Protein backbone atom coordinates (compact mmCIF):
# COMPACT_ATOMS: atom_id res chain seq x y z
CA MET A 1 -35.58 46.73 -125.61
CA LYS A 2 -33.61 48.75 -127.88
CA LEU A 3 -30.53 48.55 -125.72
CA MET A 4 -30.53 44.73 -125.92
CA ILE A 5 -30.86 44.83 -129.80
CA MET A 6 -28.05 47.20 -129.83
CA LEU A 7 -25.83 45.13 -127.56
CA GLY A 8 -26.59 42.11 -129.64
CA SER A 9 -25.78 43.92 -132.94
CA ILE A 10 -22.49 45.31 -131.51
CA ASN A 11 -21.67 42.00 -130.28
CA MET A 12 -22.44 40.39 -133.64
CA ALA A 13 -19.99 42.81 -135.41
CA LEU A 14 -17.23 42.18 -132.77
CA ALA A 15 -17.81 38.26 -132.98
CA ILE A 16 -17.55 38.44 -136.55
CA ALA A 17 -14.37 40.70 -136.46
CA LEU A 18 -12.84 38.58 -133.70
CA GLY A 19 -13.55 35.29 -135.57
CA ALA A 20 -11.91 36.80 -138.72
CA PHE A 21 -8.98 38.02 -136.62
CA GLY A 22 -8.40 34.40 -135.36
CA ALA A 23 -8.81 32.80 -138.64
CA HIS A 24 -6.35 35.17 -140.40
CA GLY A 25 -4.38 36.92 -137.83
CA LEU A 26 -3.51 34.01 -135.35
CA GLU A 27 -3.32 31.08 -137.85
CA GLY A 28 0.23 29.86 -137.70
CA LYS A 29 1.00 32.08 -134.61
CA VAL A 30 -0.72 30.18 -131.94
CA SER A 31 -0.92 26.31 -131.46
CA GLU A 32 -3.88 24.31 -132.92
CA LYS A 33 -5.14 24.09 -129.33
CA MET A 34 -5.22 27.66 -128.78
CA MET A 35 -7.14 27.89 -132.02
CA GLN A 36 -9.54 25.76 -130.88
CA ILE A 37 -9.84 27.88 -127.65
CA TRP A 38 -10.36 31.05 -129.73
CA ASN A 39 -12.95 29.18 -132.08
CA THR A 40 -14.93 28.16 -129.05
CA GLY A 41 -14.96 31.98 -128.07
CA ALA A 42 -16.09 33.19 -131.26
CA HIS A 43 -18.64 30.44 -131.56
CA TYR A 44 -20.32 31.19 -128.15
CA HIS A 45 -19.90 34.90 -128.92
CA ILE A 46 -21.99 34.65 -132.11
CA ILE A 47 -24.92 32.38 -130.50
CA HIS A 48 -25.12 34.88 -127.77
CA GLY A 49 -24.92 38.00 -129.84
CA LEU A 50 -27.90 36.67 -131.57
CA ALA A 51 -29.67 35.81 -128.42
CA LEU A 52 -29.35 39.32 -127.17
CA ILE A 53 -30.96 40.39 -130.26
CA ALA A 54 -33.86 37.72 -129.54
CA VAL A 55 -34.29 38.93 -126.13
CA GLY A 56 -34.51 42.48 -127.22
CA LEU A 57 -37.26 41.66 -129.75
CA MET A 58 -39.24 39.44 -127.00
CA LEU A 59 -38.86 42.72 -124.59
CA ALA A 60 -40.44 44.58 -127.59
CA LYS A 61 -43.35 42.01 -127.56
CA THR A 62 -44.05 42.81 -123.84
CA ASN A 63 -43.66 46.58 -124.16
CA GLY A 64 -40.40 46.39 -121.97
CA ASN A 65 -42.56 45.18 -118.95
CA ALA A 66 -40.65 42.09 -118.34
CA THR A 67 -38.09 42.26 -115.68
CA LEU A 68 -36.97 38.80 -115.65
CA LEU A 69 -36.35 39.01 -119.50
CA THR A 70 -34.06 41.96 -118.86
CA VAL A 71 -32.16 40.26 -116.29
CA ALA A 72 -31.57 37.40 -118.64
CA GLY A 73 -30.17 39.64 -121.32
CA TRP A 74 -27.75 41.17 -119.04
CA LEU A 75 -26.67 37.67 -117.84
CA LEU A 76 -26.27 36.36 -121.54
CA PHE A 77 -24.11 39.89 -122.03
CA ALA A 78 -22.13 38.88 -118.97
CA GLY A 79 -21.53 35.45 -120.42
CA ILE A 80 -20.18 36.91 -123.50
CA VAL A 81 -17.80 39.01 -121.43
CA PHE A 82 -16.42 36.39 -119.15
CA PHE A 83 -16.75 33.20 -121.25
CA SER A 84 -15.76 34.42 -124.64
CA GLY A 85 -13.69 37.36 -123.32
CA SER A 86 -11.74 35.16 -121.03
CA LEU A 87 -11.01 32.65 -123.89
CA TYR A 88 -9.85 35.66 -126.21
CA ALA A 89 -7.65 36.95 -123.42
CA LEU A 90 -6.19 33.40 -122.76
CA VAL A 91 -5.20 32.82 -126.30
CA LEU A 92 -3.61 36.37 -126.61
CA SER A 93 -1.73 36.39 -123.30
CA ASN A 94 -1.12 32.67 -122.76
CA VAL A 95 -1.81 33.20 -119.02
CA LYS A 96 -3.59 30.00 -118.14
CA ILE A 97 -5.25 31.28 -115.02
CA LEU A 98 -7.56 33.40 -117.27
CA GLY A 99 -9.17 29.96 -118.07
CA ALA A 100 -10.63 30.01 -114.42
CA ILE A 101 -12.87 33.04 -115.12
CA THR A 102 -14.38 31.02 -118.15
CA PRO A 103 -16.79 29.07 -116.01
CA ILE A 104 -18.43 32.19 -114.53
CA GLY A 105 -19.42 33.19 -117.91
CA GLY A 106 -20.91 29.57 -118.54
CA VAL A 107 -22.92 29.92 -115.46
CA SER A 108 -24.18 33.36 -116.59
CA PHE A 109 -25.03 31.86 -119.94
CA ILE A 110 -26.99 28.85 -118.39
CA ALA A 111 -28.87 31.30 -115.85
CA GLY A 112 -29.68 33.61 -118.51
CA TRP A 113 -31.22 30.94 -120.86
CA VAL A 114 -33.19 29.44 -117.93
CA LEU A 115 -34.53 33.06 -117.37
CA VAL A 116 -35.46 33.27 -121.10
CA ALA A 117 -37.44 30.21 -120.70
CA VAL A 118 -39.26 31.41 -117.43
CA SER A 119 -39.80 34.85 -119.24
CA ALA A 120 -41.33 33.27 -122.22
CA ALA A 121 -43.75 31.23 -120.12
CA LYS A 122 -44.58 34.16 -117.83
CA TYR A 123 -44.68 37.08 -120.30
CA LEU A 124 -45.38 35.64 -123.65
CA GLY A 125 -47.83 33.01 -122.54
C-alpha cells in the first residue's frame, strides 16, 4: 500500500515535470502533432499517477490483503511506462516504431481499471 502511494506520488511529480518540459522546452521545436502526442502522454500519466495513489489508499483500507488490487496497481504502473513512456520517447526521438508499444500500455490501463472495479466489489463491498 505504501509502495503504491509512493509510486503514484513519484509519477505525479514526473508527470508535472514532463508536462512542463513539453510546454516550455519543446514548444516550437517539434510539430504541433508531436506536441499533441506529448500532451496525451502527460495527460494519461497524470490520471494514472493519481490512480496509483487511490489504489494505495484502497489497499490501506484492506490492510494490504487485496492481491487483485495489488495486481491492478502494477498494471496501471506498467500502463504509465508503456503508454506515456512510449509517447514521450516517440516525440523525443521521432522513431515512429515506438508508437507500436503504446497499445501495450493502453491494454495495461484497461486491465488495471477492470481489476480496480473487481477489487472494489470484492474487498470493499
